[in-house]
Protein backbone atom coordinates (compact mmCIF):
# COMPACT_ATOMS: atom_id res chain seq x y z
CA MET A 1 -5.65 -92.36 161.97
CA LYS A 2 -2.21 -91.65 163.46
CA PHE A 3 0.15 -90.44 160.63
CA SER A 4 3.13 -87.95 160.84
CA SER A 5 4.54 -85.61 157.37
CA THR A 6 7.48 -84.49 157.24
CA ALA A 7 9.10 -82.81 154.21
CA ILE A 8 13.04 -84.14 153.67
CA ASP A 9 15.21 -85.29 150.84
CA MET A 10 15.65 -88.09 149.21
CA SER A 11 19.11 -88.07 150.62
CA SER A 12 17.91 -89.45 153.83
CA LEU A 13 16.43 -92.48 152.71
CA PHE A 14 19.29 -93.08 150.37
CA ASN A 15 21.87 -93.30 153.63
CA ASP A 16 18.75 -94.39 156.13
CA GLN A 17 20.60 -98.23 156.13
CA LYS A 18 16.91 -99.87 155.54
CA SER A 19 15.44 -101.11 153.27
CA TYR A 20 12.10 -100.28 150.95
CA ILE A 21 8.97 -102.81 150.53
CA VAL A 22 6.45 -102.20 147.96
CA PRO A 23 3.91 -104.28 149.26
CA LEU A 24 2.61 -107.48 147.01
CA PHE A 25 -1.34 -104.78 146.25
CA GLN A 26 0.69 -102.38 144.48
CA ARG A 27 0.58 -102.07 140.42
CA SER A 28 3.75 -103.33 138.85
CA TYR A 29 6.27 -100.63 137.35
CA SER A 30 4.12 -98.32 135.16
CA TRP A 31 6.38 -95.26 134.20
CA LYS A 32 6.08 -95.07 130.24
CA LYS A 33 9.05 -93.33 128.05
CA GLN A 34 7.11 -89.87 128.27
CA GLN A 35 6.99 -89.42 131.66
CA ILE A 36 11.00 -90.75 132.11
CA GLU A 37 11.66 -88.14 129.48
CA GLU A 38 10.27 -85.60 131.24
CA PHE A 39 11.64 -87.01 134.90
CA LEU A 40 16.03 -86.67 133.13
CA ASN A 41 14.28 -82.63 131.47
CA ASP A 42 13.37 -81.55 134.79
CA ILE A 43 16.66 -82.90 137.01
CA VAL A 44 18.72 -81.14 133.82
CA THR A 45 16.53 -78.40 134.00
CA SER A 46 17.26 -78.12 137.91
CA SER A 47 21.08 -78.57 137.44
CA SER A 48 21.37 -75.07 135.85
CA SER A 49 18.37 -73.51 137.96
CA ASN A 50 19.36 -70.42 140.24
CA GLU A 51 16.45 -69.20 141.31
CA ASP A 52 14.38 -73.20 142.04
CA PRO A 53 17.69 -75.18 143.66
CA GLU A 54 15.04 -77.58 144.91
CA TYR A 55 13.37 -80.40 142.97
CA PHE A 56 10.43 -81.54 144.28
CA LEU A 57 9.28 -85.17 143.91
CA GLY A 58 5.63 -85.04 145.67
CA THR A 59 4.22 -87.09 148.67
CA MET A 60 5.79 -90.58 149.84
CA VAL A 61 3.32 -92.46 151.91
CA PHE A 62 4.95 -95.27 154.36
CA THR A 63 4.40 -97.77 157.15
CA PRO A 64 6.10 -100.27 159.29
CA HIS A 65 7.48 -103.23 157.99
CA GLN A 66 7.29 -106.47 160.30
CA ARG A 67 10.95 -107.43 159.20
CA LYS A 68 14.04 -105.44 160.79
CA ASN A 69 14.94 -102.62 159.09
CA LYS A 70 12.75 -102.81 156.20
CA ILE A 71 10.19 -100.09 155.75
CA THR A 72 6.67 -100.67 153.62
CA ILE A 73 6.34 -98.01 150.87
CA LEU A 74 2.86 -97.44 150.15
CA ASP A 75 2.54 -94.26 147.51
CA GLY A 76 5.49 -93.32 146.07
CA GLN A 77 6.75 -96.21 144.40
CA GLN A 78 6.89 -95.92 140.71
CA ARG A 79 9.29 -92.18 141.41
CA PHE A 80 11.43 -93.97 143.93
CA ALA A 81 12.03 -96.80 141.45
CA SER A 82 12.49 -94.84 138.92
CA VAL A 83 14.55 -92.49 140.53
CA LEU A 84 16.51 -96.30 141.06
CA ILE A 85 16.62 -96.94 137.44
CA LEU A 86 18.11 -93.40 136.60
CA LEU A 87 21.04 -93.77 138.95
CA ALA A 88 21.61 -97.78 137.41
CA ALA A 89 21.87 -95.41 133.96
CA CYS A 90 24.46 -93.00 135.15
CA ARG A 91 26.52 -95.24 137.06
CA ASP A 92 26.18 -98.04 133.94
CA SER A 93 27.60 -94.92 131.49
CA LEU A 94 30.27 -94.08 133.69
CA LYS A 95 31.63 -97.55 133.81
CA ASN A 96 32.17 -96.69 129.36
CA SER A 97 32.81 -93.92 129.71
CA GLN A 98 36.52 -91.90 130.16
CA VAL A 99 35.85 -89.43 133.56
CA GLN A 100 38.17 -88.82 135.80
CA LYS A 101 37.92 -90.62 139.27
CA LYS A 102 34.28 -92.24 137.76
CA GLU A 103 35.22 -94.39 140.56
CA PHE A 104 34.39 -92.39 143.04
CA TRP A 105 31.28 -91.62 141.78
CA ILE A 106 30.06 -95.22 140.77
CA ASP A 107 30.42 -96.10 144.48
CA ASP A 108 28.56 -93.77 145.52
CA ILE A 109 25.71 -94.53 143.65
CA ASN A 110 25.96 -98.16 144.36
CA ARG A 111 25.59 -97.19 147.78
CA ILE A 112 22.65 -96.00 147.72
CA LEU A 113 21.32 -98.71 144.97
CA TYR A 114 22.02 -101.41 147.36
CA LYS A 115 23.43 -102.24 150.86
CA ARG A 116 25.94 -105.18 151.91
CA SER A 117 27.89 -104.99 155.53
CA THR A 118 30.68 -107.44 154.41
CA PRO A 119 31.88 -108.58 150.81
CA ASP A 120 30.16 -112.17 151.54
CA ILE A 121 26.70 -110.76 152.27
CA ALA A 122 24.37 -110.85 148.98
CA LYS A 123 23.45 -107.51 148.53
CA GLN A 124 20.37 -105.61 149.63
CA LEU A 125 18.21 -104.21 146.96
CA LYS A 126 17.22 -100.08 148.26
CA LEU A 127 13.42 -100.94 146.94
CA GLU A 128 12.04 -104.38 146.58
CA LEU A 129 9.13 -103.94 143.87
CA ASN A 130 6.24 -106.51 144.14
CA LYS A 131 6.96 -109.93 143.41
CA GLU A 132 6.25 -109.71 139.13
CA ASP A 133 8.46 -107.44 139.16
CA ASN A 134 11.53 -107.58 141.83
CA LYS A 135 14.06 -109.70 140.55
CA TYR A 136 14.36 -108.51 137.09
CA PHE A 137 14.62 -104.82 138.25
CA GLU A 138 16.80 -106.37 141.30
CA LYS A 139 19.50 -107.69 138.40
CA LEU A 140 18.98 -104.19 136.77
CA ILE A 141 19.75 -102.04 139.62
CA VAL A 142 22.06 -104.54 140.71
CA ASP A 143 24.08 -105.95 138.48
CA GLY A 144 23.38 -103.99 135.38
CA ILE A 145 21.93 -107.39 133.92
CA VAL A 146 19.27 -106.45 131.33
CA ASP A 147 16.99 -109.45 130.99
CA LYS A 148 14.56 -110.59 128.08
CA PRO A 149 11.31 -109.07 129.54
CA LYS A 150 8.55 -111.16 130.51
CA LEU A 151 5.69 -108.92 131.36
CA ASN A 152 4.44 -105.59 129.84
CA SER A 153 5.99 -103.84 133.36
CA HIS A 154 9.83 -105.60 132.03
CA HIS A 155 9.59 -103.73 129.04
CA LEU A 156 8.67 -100.99 130.95
CA ILE A 157 11.74 -100.61 132.70
CA LYS A 158 14.10 -102.62 130.59
CA ASN A 159 12.90 -99.17 127.89
CA ASN A 160 13.61 -96.77 130.30
CA TYR A 161 16.46 -97.71 131.20
CA GLU A 162 18.03 -97.77 128.07
CA TYR A 163 17.14 -95.00 127.44
CA LEU A 164 18.66 -93.08 129.90
CA LEU A 165 22.00 -94.91 129.55
CA SER A 166 21.83 -93.57 125.80
CA LYS A 167 21.15 -90.21 126.30
CA ILE A 168 23.52 -89.73 129.47
CA SER A 169 26.04 -91.70 127.45
CA THR A 170 25.36 -89.35 124.74
CA GLU A 171 25.60 -86.52 127.53
CA ILE A 172 28.80 -87.33 128.82
CA LYS A 173 30.61 -88.06 125.37
CA SER A 174 29.81 -84.37 124.92
CA GLN A 175 30.20 -82.74 127.82
CA GLY A 176 32.44 -84.98 130.00
CA ASN A 177 32.62 -84.72 133.45
CA SER A 178 29.94 -81.33 134.42
CA PHE A 179 27.00 -83.34 132.55
CA ILE A 180 26.89 -86.21 135.37
CA GLU A 181 28.41 -84.29 137.86
CA LYS A 182 25.01 -81.56 137.23
CA VAL A 183 22.30 -84.70 137.83
CA LEU A 184 23.94 -86.33 140.64
CA ASP A 185 24.21 -82.97 142.12
CA VAL A 186 20.34 -82.95 141.97
CA ILE A 187 19.74 -86.39 142.95
CA PHE A 188 21.45 -86.88 146.21
CA ASN A 189 21.21 -82.89 147.21
CA LYS A 190 17.85 -81.52 146.04
CA LEU A 191 15.15 -83.44 145.58
CA ILE A 192 12.65 -82.95 148.44
CA ILE A 193 9.56 -85.23 149.07
CA ILE A 194 6.99 -84.56 151.29
CA LYS A 195 7.50 -88.00 153.31
CA ILE A 196 4.35 -89.36 155.29
CA GLU A 197 4.66 -91.97 158.34
CA VAL A 198 1.38 -94.39 159.11
CA ASP A 199 1.34 -96.16 162.55
CA ASN A 200 0.17 -99.14 161.32
CA ASP A 201 -1.75 -100.91 158.08
CA VAL A 202 -5.28 -100.53 158.75
CA ASP A 203 -4.38 -96.99 159.04
CA ALA A 204 -2.25 -96.72 155.88
CA ASN A 205 -5.24 -98.18 154.08
CA LEU A 206 -7.68 -95.76 155.08
CA LEU A 207 -5.24 -93.36 154.73
CA PHE A 208 -4.67 -95.08 150.76
CA GLU A 209 -8.46 -94.22 150.48
CA THR A 210 -8.49 -90.30 151.93
CA LEU A 211 -5.78 -89.85 149.56
CA ASN A 212 -7.50 -91.32 146.68
CA ASP A 213 -10.88 -89.25 147.80
CA ARG A 214 -8.55 -85.77 147.47
CA GLY A 215 -7.50 -86.48 144.58
CA LEU A 216 -4.37 -88.84 144.61
CA GLU A 217 -4.24 -90.38 140.96
CA LEU A 218 -5.50 -93.99 142.37
CA SER A 219 -7.88 -96.00 139.24
CA ALA A 220 -10.93 -98.35 141.46
CA SER A 221 -9.02 -101.19 140.62
CA ASP A 222 -5.67 -100.09 142.80
CA LEU A 223 -7.97 -99.38 145.45
CA ILE A 224 -9.91 -102.84 144.86
CA LYS A 225 -6.76 -104.64 144.88
CA ASN A 226 -5.95 -103.23 148.24
CA TYR A 227 -8.51 -104.15 149.88
CA LEU A 228 -8.60 -107.81 148.40
CA TYR A 229 -4.86 -108.25 149.39
CA SER A 230 -4.81 -106.25 152.32
CA THR A 231 -7.74 -108.31 154.01
CA SER A 232 -7.47 -112.04 153.02
CA GLU A 233 -4.39 -113.04 155.60
CA SER A 234 -3.53 -116.18 155.42
CA ASP A 235 -5.60 -116.92 151.48
CA LEU A 236 -3.32 -113.96 150.54
CA GLU A 237 -1.14 -115.85 148.16
CA THR A 238 -4.49 -117.70 146.01
CA VAL A 239 -5.94 -114.62 146.41
CA ALA A 240 -2.53 -112.54 144.42
CA GLN A 241 -2.65 -115.42 141.69
CA ASN A 242 -5.85 -115.55 141.13
CA TRP A 243 -5.41 -111.36 140.24
CA LYS A 244 -2.39 -112.24 138.42
CA ARG A 245 -4.37 -114.98 136.25
CA MET A 246 -7.47 -112.26 135.44
CA SER A 247 -4.31 -109.56 135.02
CA ASP A 248 -2.40 -111.46 132.32
CA GLN A 249 -6.20 -112.29 130.42
CA ILE A 250 -7.69 -108.55 130.45
CA GLY A 251 -4.24 -106.33 130.47
CA ASP A 252 -3.97 -103.49 133.32
CA ASN A 253 -5.96 -101.60 131.41
CA ASN A 254 -9.20 -103.04 131.15
CA ILE A 255 -9.20 -103.94 134.91
CA SER A 256 -11.34 -101.50 136.61
CA LYS A 257 -14.05 -101.34 133.33
CA PHE A 258 -13.95 -105.50 133.51
CA LEU A 259 -14.54 -105.16 137.21
CA ARG A 260 -17.59 -102.63 136.51
CA HIS A 261 -18.57 -104.31 134.32
CA PHE A 262 -18.58 -107.49 136.11
CA TRP A 263 -20.40 -106.50 138.65
CA ILE A 264 -22.63 -104.92 136.69
CA SER A 265 -23.19 -108.67 135.50
CA LYS A 266 -23.69 -110.39 138.97
CA TYR A 267 -24.74 -108.12 141.73
CA ASN A 268 -26.19 -104.46 140.96
CA PHE A 269 -26.17 -101.28 138.28
CA VAL A 270 -22.97 -98.86 140.44
CA LYS A 271 -21.51 -95.65 138.77
CA LYS A 272 -17.83 -96.35 138.51
CA GLU A 273 -16.63 -93.82 141.21
CA PHE A 274 -18.67 -96.29 143.30
CA LEU A 275 -17.54 -99.11 142.43
CA TYR A 276 -14.60 -99.85 145.07
CA LYS A 277 -17.24 -98.32 147.91
CA GLU A 278 -20.01 -100.84 146.73
CA LEU A 279 -17.40 -103.62 146.71
CA LYS A 280 -16.05 -103.26 149.94
CA LYS A 281 -19.50 -103.19 151.71
CA GLU A 282 -20.38 -106.47 149.60
CA ILE A 283 -17.41 -108.46 149.69
CA THR A 284 -16.89 -109.04 153.69
CA LYS A 285 -13.51 -110.93 154.15
CA GLU A 286 -15.02 -114.40 154.54
CA LYS A 287 -16.00 -113.61 150.60
CA ILE A 288 -13.20 -112.12 149.64
CA LEU A 289 -11.27 -115.61 148.17
CA ASP A 290 -14.29 -117.05 146.75
CA PHE A 291 -14.56 -113.50 144.71
CA SER A 292 -11.09 -113.27 143.44
CA GLY A 293 -11.73 -116.58 141.65
CA GLU A 294 -14.89 -115.22 140.44
CA ILE A 295 -13.10 -112.39 138.30
CA SER A 296 -10.45 -114.73 137.38
CA THR A 297 -12.41 -117.08 135.72
CA GLU A 298 -14.91 -114.94 133.95
CA ALA A 299 -12.07 -112.89 133.07
CA THR A 300 -10.91 -115.22 130.85
CA ILE A 301 -14.72 -114.80 129.29
CA TYR A 302 -14.34 -110.86 129.21
CA ASN A 303 -10.58 -111.75 127.59
CA ASN A 304 -13.21 -113.95 124.70
CA LEU A 305 -15.03 -110.68 123.93
CA ILE A 306 -12.55 -108.51 123.20
CA SER A 307 -10.36 -110.38 122.06
CA PRO A 308 -12.49 -113.63 120.29
CA SER A 309 -10.87 -116.78 119.28
CA ASP A 310 -12.10 -119.98 118.11
CA ASP A 311 -10.73 -122.54 120.62
CA PHE A 312 -12.54 -120.83 123.51
CA TRP A 313 -15.54 -120.24 121.55
CA GLU A 314 -15.47 -123.30 120.39
CA ASP A 315 -17.46 -122.03 117.37
CA SER A 316 -16.60 -120.02 114.25
CA ASP A 317 -20.04 -118.70 113.78
CA LEU A 318 -19.86 -117.19 117.87
CA SER A 319 -16.40 -116.19 117.31
CA ARG A 320 -17.55 -114.19 114.06
CA LEU A 321 -20.63 -112.62 115.83
CA VAL A 322 -18.41 -111.33 118.95
CA ASN A 323 -15.78 -109.95 116.15
CA GLU A 324 -19.38 -107.96 114.87
CA LEU A 325 -19.35 -106.90 118.00
CA ASN A 326 -16.15 -105.04 118.49
CA ILE A 327 -17.20 -103.97 115.04
CA LEU A 328 -20.23 -101.82 116.05
CA ARG A 329 -17.63 -100.60 119.33
CA VAL A 330 -20.15 -101.49 121.97
CA GLU A 331 -18.85 -102.34 125.28
CA GLN A 332 -22.05 -101.95 127.34
CA VAL A 333 -22.84 -105.69 126.13
CA TYR A 334 -20.35 -107.34 127.91
CA ILE A 335 -22.06 -106.97 131.45
CA LEU A 336 -25.42 -109.22 129.78
CA ILE A 337 -22.67 -111.38 127.74
CA LEU A 338 -20.88 -111.93 130.32
CA SER A 339 -24.36 -113.58 132.34
CA VAL A 340 -25.52 -115.15 128.95
CA TYR A 341 -21.81 -117.42 128.84
CA LYS A 342 -22.06 -118.79 132.74
CA VAL A 343 -25.88 -120.03 131.52
CA PHE A 344 -25.92 -121.14 128.11
CA SER A 345 -22.37 -122.08 127.66
CA HIS A 346 -23.36 -125.58 126.31
CA GLN A 347 -26.29 -124.27 124.90
CA LYS A 348 -24.64 -122.74 121.32
CA GLU A 349 -27.84 -121.93 119.10
CA THR A 350 -29.32 -120.08 122.18
CA MET A 351 -26.26 -118.05 122.53
CA LYS A 352 -26.41 -117.36 118.81
CA LYS A 353 -29.51 -116.06 118.74
CA ILE A 354 -28.92 -113.38 122.36
CA PHE A 355 -25.80 -112.87 120.43
CA ARG A 356 -27.44 -111.80 116.80
CA LEU A 357 -29.95 -109.72 118.98
CA ILE A 358 -27.47 -108.20 120.46
CA ILE A 359 -25.87 -107.19 117.49
CA ASN A 360 -28.76 -106.48 115.84
CA PHE A 361 -30.14 -104.23 118.40
CA SER A 362 -27.03 -102.51 118.96
CA PHE A 363 -26.72 -101.39 115.10
CA ARG A 364 -29.92 -100.09 115.58
CA TYR A 365 -30.05 -98.10 118.31
CA ASN A 366 -26.19 -97.06 118.93
CA THR A 367 -24.07 -97.18 115.34
CA ILE A 368 -27.87 -95.86 113.31
CA SER A 369 -29.97 -94.36 115.57
CA GLY A 370 -27.13 -92.70 117.47
CA LEU A 371 -28.29 -93.22 120.82
CA ASP A 372 -26.41 -93.67 123.69
CA PRO A 373 -25.11 -96.82 124.99
CA LYS A 374 -24.61 -96.26 128.62
CA ALA A 375 -28.19 -95.24 129.05
CA LEU A 376 -29.18 -98.86 128.79
CA GLU A 377 -26.06 -100.10 130.83
CA SER A 378 -28.88 -100.91 134.13
CA VAL A 379 -31.15 -102.77 131.65
CA TYR A 380 -28.57 -104.59 130.04
CA GLY A 381 -26.95 -105.55 134.27
CA ASN A 382 -30.58 -106.04 135.05
CA LEU A 383 -31.64 -108.71 132.71
CA ALA A 384 -28.09 -110.06 134.33
CA VAL A 385 -28.48 -110.39 137.03
CA LYS A 386 -31.75 -112.13 136.55
CA LEU A 387 -30.27 -114.49 134.37
CA ARG A 388 -27.76 -115.50 136.41
CA ARG A 389 -30.70 -116.23 139.94
CA ASN A 390 -32.32 -118.45 137.12
CA SER A 391 -35.80 -116.18 137.17
CA ILE A 392 -35.91 -115.47 133.09
CA ASN A 393 -34.88 -116.84 130.30
CA HIS A 394 -33.62 -116.26 126.75
CA LYS A 395 -37.01 -114.96 125.66
CA ASP A 396 -37.61 -112.59 128.16
CA ILE A 397 -34.54 -110.92 127.13
CA LYS A 398 -35.73 -110.69 123.53
CA ARG A 399 -38.88 -109.30 125.10
CA GLU A 400 -37.24 -106.93 127.33
CA ILE A 401 -34.56 -105.08 124.24
CA GLU A 402 -37.35 -105.31 121.89
CA ARG A 403 -38.78 -102.81 123.85
CA TYR A 404 -36.17 -100.46 123.49
CA SER A 405 -35.56 -100.80 119.28
CA PRO A 406 -35.56 -97.82 117.64
CA SER A 407 -38.68 -98.03 115.10
CA LYS A 408 -38.04 -98.62 111.44
CA GLU A 409 -39.58 -95.00 110.78
CA ILE A 410 -36.70 -93.79 112.84
CA PHE A 411 -33.91 -96.25 111.94
CA VAL A 412 -34.84 -95.83 108.14
CA ALA A 413 -34.50 -91.68 108.72
CA SER A 414 -31.30 -92.31 110.54
CA PHE A 415 -29.61 -94.12 107.78
CA ASN A 416 -30.61 -91.63 105.32
CA ASN A 417 -28.35 -89.56 107.38
CA PHE A 418 -25.71 -91.90 108.73
CA GLU A 419 -22.41 -91.16 107.22
CA THR A 420 -18.84 -92.92 108.85
CA LYS A 421 -15.12 -92.29 108.28
CA ASN A 422 -14.65 -95.57 110.01
CA ARG A 423 -13.32 -97.63 107.22
CA LYS A 424 -13.83 -101.26 109.42
CA LEU A 425 -17.71 -99.90 109.56
CA SER A 426 -18.54 -98.99 106.35
CA LYS A 427 -17.22 -102.47 105.25
CA TYR A 428 -19.19 -104.46 107.24
CA ILE A 429 -22.45 -102.49 106.65
CA LEU A 430 -22.09 -102.69 103.23
CA LEU A 431 -21.01 -106.17 103.19
CA LYS A 432 -23.54 -107.26 105.35
CA ILE A 433 -25.86 -105.70 102.79
CA ASN A 434 -24.18 -107.63 99.60
CA ASN A 435 -24.13 -110.60 100.68
CA ASP A 436 -27.98 -110.47 101.88
CA LEU A 437 -28.83 -109.38 97.60
CA LEU A 438 -26.55 -112.55 97.00
CA THR A 439 -28.86 -114.63 98.94
CA GLN A 440 -32.01 -113.34 97.93
CA SER A 441 -30.87 -113.87 94.22
CA ASN A 442 -29.86 -117.02 95.09
CA GLN A 443 -26.12 -116.36 94.63
CA LYS A 444 -25.06 -117.10 98.67
CA GLU A 445 -22.00 -118.92 96.98
CA LEU A 446 -20.50 -115.66 95.87
CA GLU A 447 -20.66 -114.50 99.03
CA ALA A 448 -17.53 -111.86 100.29
CA ASN A 449 -15.82 -111.88 103.46
CA LEU A 450 -14.09 -108.54 105.31
CA GLU A 451 -10.56 -110.01 104.42
CA THR A 452 -11.09 -110.26 100.78
CA ILE A 453 -12.36 -106.80 100.23
CA ASN A 454 -11.34 -103.02 99.66
CA LEU A 455 -13.34 -99.56 100.90
CA GLU A 456 -14.32 -97.64 98.08
CA HIS A 457 -15.58 -94.00 98.02
CA ILE A 458 -17.46 -93.59 94.74
CA ILE A 459 -17.15 -89.93 94.86
CA PRO A 460 -13.12 -89.64 95.69
CA ILE A 461 -12.31 -87.78 99.11
CA ASN A 462 -9.04 -86.19 96.24
CA PRO A 463 -11.32 -85.70 93.23
CA ASN A 464 -9.37 -84.76 90.02
CA GLN A 465 -9.72 -82.18 87.88
CA GLU A 466 -12.54 -83.49 86.18
CA TRP A 467 -15.17 -84.62 89.34
CA ILE A 468 -14.37 -80.58 90.54
CA LYS A 469 -15.49 -79.16 87.23
CA TYR A 470 -17.80 -81.30 87.54
CA PHE A 471 -19.08 -80.90 91.17
CA LYS A 472 -18.76 -77.15 89.89
CA GLU A 473 -21.12 -77.05 86.79
CA ASN A 474 -24.04 -79.23 89.52
CA LYS A 475 -23.74 -77.05 92.45
CA ILE A 476 -22.58 -80.14 94.43
CA ASP A 477 -21.02 -79.73 97.17
CA HIS A 478 -18.69 -82.88 96.97
CA GLU A 479 -17.74 -82.67 101.14
CA LYS A 480 -21.25 -83.55 102.47
CA LEU A 481 -21.35 -86.72 100.83
CA ILE A 482 -17.66 -88.02 100.84
CA TYR A 483 -18.22 -89.72 103.81
CA LYS A 484 -22.18 -91.54 103.51
CA LEU A 485 -22.43 -94.81 103.17
CA GLY A 486 -24.44 -94.22 99.83
CA ASN A 487 -20.72 -92.77 98.15
CA GLN A 488 -19.28 -95.57 99.74
CA THR A 489 -18.74 -99.30 98.24
CA ILE A 490 -16.39 -102.62 98.22
CA LEU A 491 -14.06 -104.16 95.96
CA LEU A 492 -12.26 -107.60 95.32
CA LYS A 493 -9.25 -107.84 93.54
CA GLU A 494 -10.76 -105.30 90.33
CA TYR A 495 -9.68 -102.59 93.04
CA ASN A 496 -6.89 -100.40 91.71
CA LYS A 497 -5.28 -97.65 94.07
CA LYS A 498 -4.11 -95.45 91.97
CA GLY A 499 -7.97 -95.59 90.22
CA ALA A 500 -9.44 -94.30 93.22
CA ASN A 501 -9.14 -90.88 92.29
CA LYS A 502 -10.52 -90.84 88.60
CA PHE A 503 -13.81 -89.62 86.88
CA PHE A 504 -17.11 -91.54 87.26
CA PRO A 505 -16.99 -92.45 84.01
CA SER A 506 -13.84 -94.62 84.02
CA LYS A 507 -14.88 -95.72 87.47
CA LYS A 508 -18.16 -97.20 85.83
CA ASN A 509 -16.24 -99.90 84.47
CA ILE A 510 -14.60 -101.21 86.73
CA TYR A 511 -18.29 -101.57 88.77
CA GLN A 512 -19.43 -102.99 85.90
CA GLN A 513 -17.34 -106.25 85.87
CA SER A 514 -17.90 -106.64 89.75
CA ASN A 515 -19.15 -109.62 90.97
CA LEU A 516 -20.55 -107.77 94.23
CA PRO A 517 -24.52 -106.46 93.38
CA VAL A 518 -23.85 -103.89 95.88
CA THR A 519 -21.33 -102.49 93.21
CA LYS A 520 -22.11 -103.78 90.02
CA THR A 521 -25.55 -101.90 90.15
CA ILE A 522 -23.36 -98.84 90.72
CA SER A 523 -23.14 -99.04 87.04
CA ASP A 524 -26.58 -98.42 85.91
CA PHE A 525 -26.39 -94.61 86.63
CA ASP A 526 -25.34 -91.78 84.29
CA ASN A 527 -23.57 -90.10 86.62
CA PHE A 528 -22.66 -89.49 90.46
CA GLY A 529 -23.49 -87.28 92.21
CA GLU A 530 -25.94 -86.00 94.96
CA LYS A 531 -29.07 -87.92 93.95
CA GLU A 532 -27.51 -90.87 92.79
CA THR A 533 -25.77 -90.77 96.76
CA LEU A 534 -29.05 -90.06 98.48
CA LYS A 535 -31.49 -92.50 95.87
CA ARG A 536 -28.49 -95.78 96.74
CA GLN A 537 -28.37 -94.88 100.59
CA ASN A 538 -32.23 -94.70 100.80
CA GLU A 539 -32.34 -98.33 99.21
CA PHE A 540 -29.48 -99.93 101.38
CA ALA A 541 -32.09 -98.13 104.50
CA GLU A 542 -34.79 -100.85 103.17
CA ILE A 543 -32.15 -103.37 102.90
CA ALA A 544 -30.61 -102.79 106.67
CA ASP A 545 -34.04 -102.32 108.19
CA LYS A 546 -34.44 -106.20 107.26
CA ILE A 547 -31.03 -107.32 107.89
CA TRP A 548 -30.63 -105.75 111.59
CA LYS A 549 -33.99 -106.81 112.67
CA VAL A 550 -34.97 -107.51 116.25
């Protein structure tokens, strides 16, 4: 691999009469407000520093481009773009200021932002971003026009520009010429980078991977996208469209996780740090187009696991079951569900059986018994791969999952010790127990739902003086009881936030009027402390063992 490395100042890039091109496979603009704030603060600090006159902007990696006077920027485009956004904000702040000779500053900035050899030739942007961002970026940088953003990256570009514009305009009003002179002096003369030039695309891709191995912050999705785009040749446009559809479905932040879950679901178990190497070994050039289509399709399934819709699942019960999974926060099961959907999407009742099995198992194994769901990734993966190959059926899935399910003794003991600050989870558990009690008493028509109930702590989080006196007299450590499930209940319209901290006798009247059996039975107690909390929790444990049975 041939490359050269040189420390240079950014002004040599600004003045080289070349345009820098971000390749398709690079991520969209991603700097958030905190990063742009820190960058501006660093620039301002550097302008006032006598000890460290230069500001190091990091490493940038470049490779030749097929077109004349253009260079591909492989790494560093986020910083390069942010410098240009800062310059555009400086220019547009100057336009609206009373700074003397501002036209000279504006001309100097524009000569960096774009080049135009004659007035009748279109302005050529100094930095061309990827396909999704470039038009939006160009309008802002060249013309100072802030369009309505369509993508998250557009929002980031817009927000960062507007923050810088406001901040710089305020400082110019306060300090006049001196502020803008200091900032532009740093940008024009003090920004230092390490410029790495690589001879060709093959070496560039190798360097990209090597830098990642040595600590460059690149995610698995960055590396995979780089590999797919750079290897797909004539299929590049279709591969890029498939990647975009996937990204639009699940969002940039979920891509690495989705790709790993999909890989385990279809191929084999892999740790996240080895996903890229496994994929590169398996997905050869001939397979890239089909693979990109697969991830585009399965991203739709994954998105509807994260944010379920009735339109996708075509069944309100299935949507409700997926919502239950989300309450339990067990994303590892998505590995198996991706395969379940692929095989049983036209067999709704079978899907429901498997979903209920997974929910009940996850509740017993993870939520209550506190066992690590990550330990099951290989189990889910093994089942998922076999299911796709039609070597097992839904009954085999049940038999395998039963092997790992905690026994009644372990579950009940764990439930008796269970406590949670997760209000949504508490409401879910109490509601399921409540509705089971209604079913047992032939009052199913009185069942409530998550949207209509409120959570109540019987012993309040902030107890009043009567409660505190009661705790002292009875030697009760109430803080150990507050988040026990036995100390929590649900209320409908009778919920009164003002009464939440009242002493038990006042609350008891409210509980007695409730139509929810899980709440009404609290009124059977004369007082409420540790003994009552634990008794109630033990009763819940026995009921829960039957509700969430595997």
